[in-house]
Amino acid sequence: MAMKDPNSIFQNLKLECAGVIDSRKDSVCKAEWYCDHTDRDGDVWVGHWWGDHTMTAGKFEVIHGTGKYTGATGGGTSTYTELKPGANGFAITVDNGLIDLKR
């Protein structure tokens, strides 16, 4: 994961995600997935993302954390732009939100 701020604690997080995208011929689309975000210290926060064709941006929430992310809360919105379609394609997502770390 790359951030606009190179000093962000979220810079270079490792993501492992699993989810479902239900896309149909009539342009109806729903998506839901979960991602583990592991930082350089090995601490993890788990995010839950969801969205559908009626939304201008998807939504996400923090649902679990370890280490510095224990007790973290928050969430926000996520926009998706496909850069190259197909089986070997790729896309970019831009997430905007707040994660409140309990210290």
C-alpha atoms as a PDB file:
ATOM      1  CA  MET A   1       0.000   0.000   0.000  1.00  0.00           C
ATOM      2  CA  ALA A   2       1.438   3.384  -0.953  1.00  0.00           C
ATOM      3  CA  MET A   3       0.410   6.613   0.733  1.00  0.00           C
ATOM      4  CA  LYS A   4       0.592  10.241  -0.359  1.00  0.00           C
ATOM      5  CA  ASP A   5       2.488  10.937   2.878  1.00  0.00           C
ATOM      6  CA  PRO A   6       5.683   8.826   2.866  1.00  0.00           C
ATOM      7  CA  ASN A   7       5.926   9.188   6.676  1.00  0.00           C
ATOM      8  CA  SER A   8       2.434   7.803   7.298  1.00  0.00           C
ATOM      9  CA  ILE A   9       2.217   4.767   9.600  1.00  0.00           C
ATOM     10  CA  PHE A  10       0.170   3.209   6.798  1.00  0.00           C
ATOM     11  CA  GLN A  11       2.969   3.513   4.215  1.00  0.00           C
ATOM     12  CA  ASN A  12       3.977   0.115   2.779  1.00  0.00           C
ATOM     13  CA  LEU A  13       1.330  -1.933   4.560  1.00  0.00           C
ATOM     14  CA  LYS A  14       1.006  -5.516   3.355  1.00  0.00           C
ATOM     15  CA  LEU A  15      -2.579  -6.310   2.349  1.00  0.00           C
ATOM     16  CA  GLU A  16      -4.204  -9.726   2.264  1.00  0.00           C
ATOM     17  CA  CYS A  17      -7.806  -9.569   1.076  1.00  0.00           C
ATOM     18  CA  ALA A  18     -10.699 -11.926   0.411  1.00  0.00           C
ATOM     19  CA  GLY A  19     -14.137 -11.085  -0.816  1.00  0.00           C
ATOM     20  CA  VAL A  20     -16.900 -11.417  -3.369  1.00  0.00           C
ATOM     21  CA  ILE A  21     -17.890  -9.296  -6.352  1.00  0.00           C
ATOM     22  CA  ASP A  22     -21.307 -10.075  -7.825  1.00  0.00           C
ATOM     23  CA  SER A  23     -21.442  -8.387 -11.240  1.00  0.00           C
ATOM     24  CA  ARG A  24     -24.385  -9.007 -13.567  1.00  0.00           C
ATOM     25  CA  LYS A  25     -25.267  -8.236 -17.184  1.00  0.00           C
ATOM     26  CA  ASP A  26     -27.857  -5.634 -16.169  1.00  0.00           C
ATOM     27  CA  SER A  27     -25.107  -3.498 -14.505  1.00  0.00           C
ATOM     28  CA  VAL A  28     -26.154  -4.598 -11.034  1.00  0.00           C
ATOM     29  CA  CYS A  29     -23.017  -5.010  -8.966  1.00  0.00           C
ATOM     30  CA  LYS A  30     -22.386  -5.697  -5.295  1.00  0.00           C
ATOM     31  CA  ALA A  31     -19.054  -6.194  -3.580  1.00  0.00           C
ATOM     32  CA  GLU A  32     -17.926  -7.050  -0.071  1.00  0.00           C
ATOM     33  CA  TRP A  33     -14.461  -7.948   1.160  1.00  0.00           C
ATOM     34  CA  TYR A  34     -12.166  -8.036   4.169  1.00  0.00           C
ATOM     35  CA  CYS A  35      -8.492  -7.083   4.284  1.00  0.00           C
ATOM     36  CA  ASP A  36      -5.740  -7.618   6.824  1.00  0.00           C
ATOM     37  CA  HIS A  37      -3.351  -4.643   6.807  1.00  0.00           C
ATOM     38  CA  THR A  38      -0.001  -5.649   8.322  1.00  0.00           C
ATOM     39  CA  ASP A  39       2.458  -2.829   9.068  1.00  0.00           C
ATOM     40  CA  ARG A  40       6.253  -2.848   9.323  1.00  0.00           C
ATOM     41  CA  ASP A  41       6.045  -3.762  13.039  1.00  0.00           C
ATOM     42  CA  GLY A  42       3.795  -6.778  12.364  1.00  0.00           C
ATOM     43  CA  ASP A  43       0.699  -5.117  13.853  1.00  0.00           C
ATOM     44  CA  VAL A  44      -2.552  -5.715  11.967  1.00  0.00           C
ATOM     45  CA  TRP A  45      -5.845  -3.912  11.451  1.00  0.00           C
ATOM     46  CA  VAL A  46      -8.730  -5.637   9.694  1.00  0.00           C
ATOM     47  CA  GLY A  47     -10.994  -3.651   7.413  1.00  0.00           C
ATOM     48  CA  HIS A  48     -14.430  -4.523   6.052  1.00  0.00           C
ATOM     49  CA  TRP A  49     -15.319  -2.934   2.679  1.00  0.00           C
ATOM     50  CA  TRP A  50     -18.641  -2.959   0.853  1.00  0.00           C
ATOM     51  CA  GLY A  51     -20.393  -1.219  -1.986  1.00  0.00           C
ATOM     52  CA  ASP A  52     -22.821  -1.566  -4.862  1.00  0.00           C
ATOM     53  CA  HIS A  53     -23.722   0.029  -8.185  1.00  0.00           C
ATOM     54  CA  THR A  54     -25.968   2.641  -6.527  1.00  0.00           C
ATOM     55  CA  MET A  55     -23.134   4.188  -4.479  1.00  0.00           C
ATOM     56  CA  THR A  56     -20.700   6.852  -5.722  1.00  0.00           C
ATOM     57  CA  ALA A  57     -18.107   5.438  -3.307  1.00  0.00           C
ATOM     58  CA  GLY A  58     -17.822   2.241  -1.322  1.00  0.00           C
ATOM     59  CA  LYS A  59     -17.540   2.254   2.450  1.00  0.00           C
ATOM     60  CA  PHE A  60     -15.116   0.689   4.892  1.00  0.00           C
ATOM     61  CA  GLU A  61     -14.866   0.185   8.629  1.00  0.00           C
ATOM     62  CA  VAL A  62     -12.185  -1.038  11.029  1.00  0.00           C
ATOM     63  CA  ILE A  63     -13.437  -4.236  12.660  1.00  0.00           C
ATOM     64  CA  HIS A  64     -10.395  -5.607  14.528  1.00  0.00           C
ATOM     65  CA  GLY A  65      -6.791  -4.827  15.375  1.00  0.00           C
ATOM     66  CA  THR A  66      -3.660  -6.150  17.072  1.00  0.00           C
ATOM     67  CA  GLY A  67      -0.729  -4.335  18.660  1.00  0.00           C
ATOM     68  CA  LYS A  68      -1.035  -0.571  18.140  1.00  0.00           C
ATOM     69  CA  TYR A  69      -4.391  -1.138  16.410  1.00  0.00           C
ATOM     70  CA  THR A  70      -6.006  -2.958  19.365  1.00  0.00           C
ATOM     71  CA  GLY A  71      -9.321  -1.194  20.036  1.00  0.00           C
ATOM     72  CA  ALA A  72      -9.015   0.978  16.914  1.00  0.00           C
ATOM     73  CA  THR A  73     -12.240   2.276  15.393  1.00  0.00           C
ATOM     74  CA  GLY A  74     -13.103   4.228  12.293  1.00  0.00           C
ATOM     75  CA  GLY A  75     -13.869   3.990   8.632  1.00  0.00           C
ATOM     76  CA  GLY A  76     -14.622   6.036   5.580  1.00  0.00           C
ATOM     77  CA  THR A  77     -15.138   5.834   1.843  1.00  0.00           C
ATOM     78  CA  SER A  78     -13.280   4.118  -0.972  1.00  0.00           C
ATOM     79  CA  THR A  79     -13.291   4.878  -4.693  1.00  0.00           C
ATOM     80  CA  TYR A  80     -12.120   2.369  -7.300  1.00  0.00           C
ATOM     81  CA  THR A  81     -10.657   3.058 -10.740  1.00  0.00           C
ATOM     82  CA  GLU A  82      -9.860   0.206 -13.088  1.00  0.00           C
ATOM     83  CA  LEU A  83      -6.621   0.951 -14.942  1.00  0.00           C
ATOM     84  CA  LYS A  84      -6.333  -2.253 -16.980  1.00  0.00           C
ATOM     85  CA  PRO A  85      -9.268  -4.648 -17.332  1.00  0.00           C
ATOM     86  CA  GLY A  86      -9.008  -8.400 -17.616  1.00  0.00           C
ATOM     87  CA  ALA A  87      -7.610 -11.394 -15.779  1.00  0.00           C
ATOM     88  CA  ASN A  88      -4.189  -9.735 -15.408  1.00  0.00           C
ATOM     89  CA  GLY A  89      -5.613  -6.275 -14.934  1.00  0.00           C
ATOM     90  CA  PHE A  90      -5.063  -3.847 -12.127  1.00  0.00           C
ATOM     91  CA  ALA A  91      -6.827  -0.979 -10.428  1.00  0.00           C
ATOM     92  CA  ILE A  92      -6.279   1.737  -7.873  1.00  0.00           C
ATOM     93  CA  THR A  93      -8.411   2.519  -4.850  1.00  0.00           C
ATOM     94  CA  VAL A  94      -8.376   5.776  -2.949  1.00  0.00           C
ATOM     95  CA  ASP A  95      -9.543   5.523   0.651  1.00  0.00           C
ATOM     96  CA  ASN A  96     -10.591   8.551   2.675  1.00  0.00           C
ATOM     97  CA  GLY A  97     -11.433   8.182   6.316  1.00  0.00           C
ATOM     98  CA  LEU A  98     -10.261   8.165   9.885  1.00  0.00           C
ATOM     99  CA  ILE A  99      -8.810   5.431  12.059  1.00  0.00           C
ATOM    100  CA  ASP A 100      -8.797   6.289  15.745  1.00  0.00           C
ATOM    101  CA  LEU A 101      -6.002   4.496  17.598  1.00  0.00           C
ATOM    102  CA  LYS A 102      -6.594   3.913  21.297  1.00  0.00           C
ATOM    103  CA  ARG A 103      -3.472   4.969  23.211  1.00  0.00           C
END
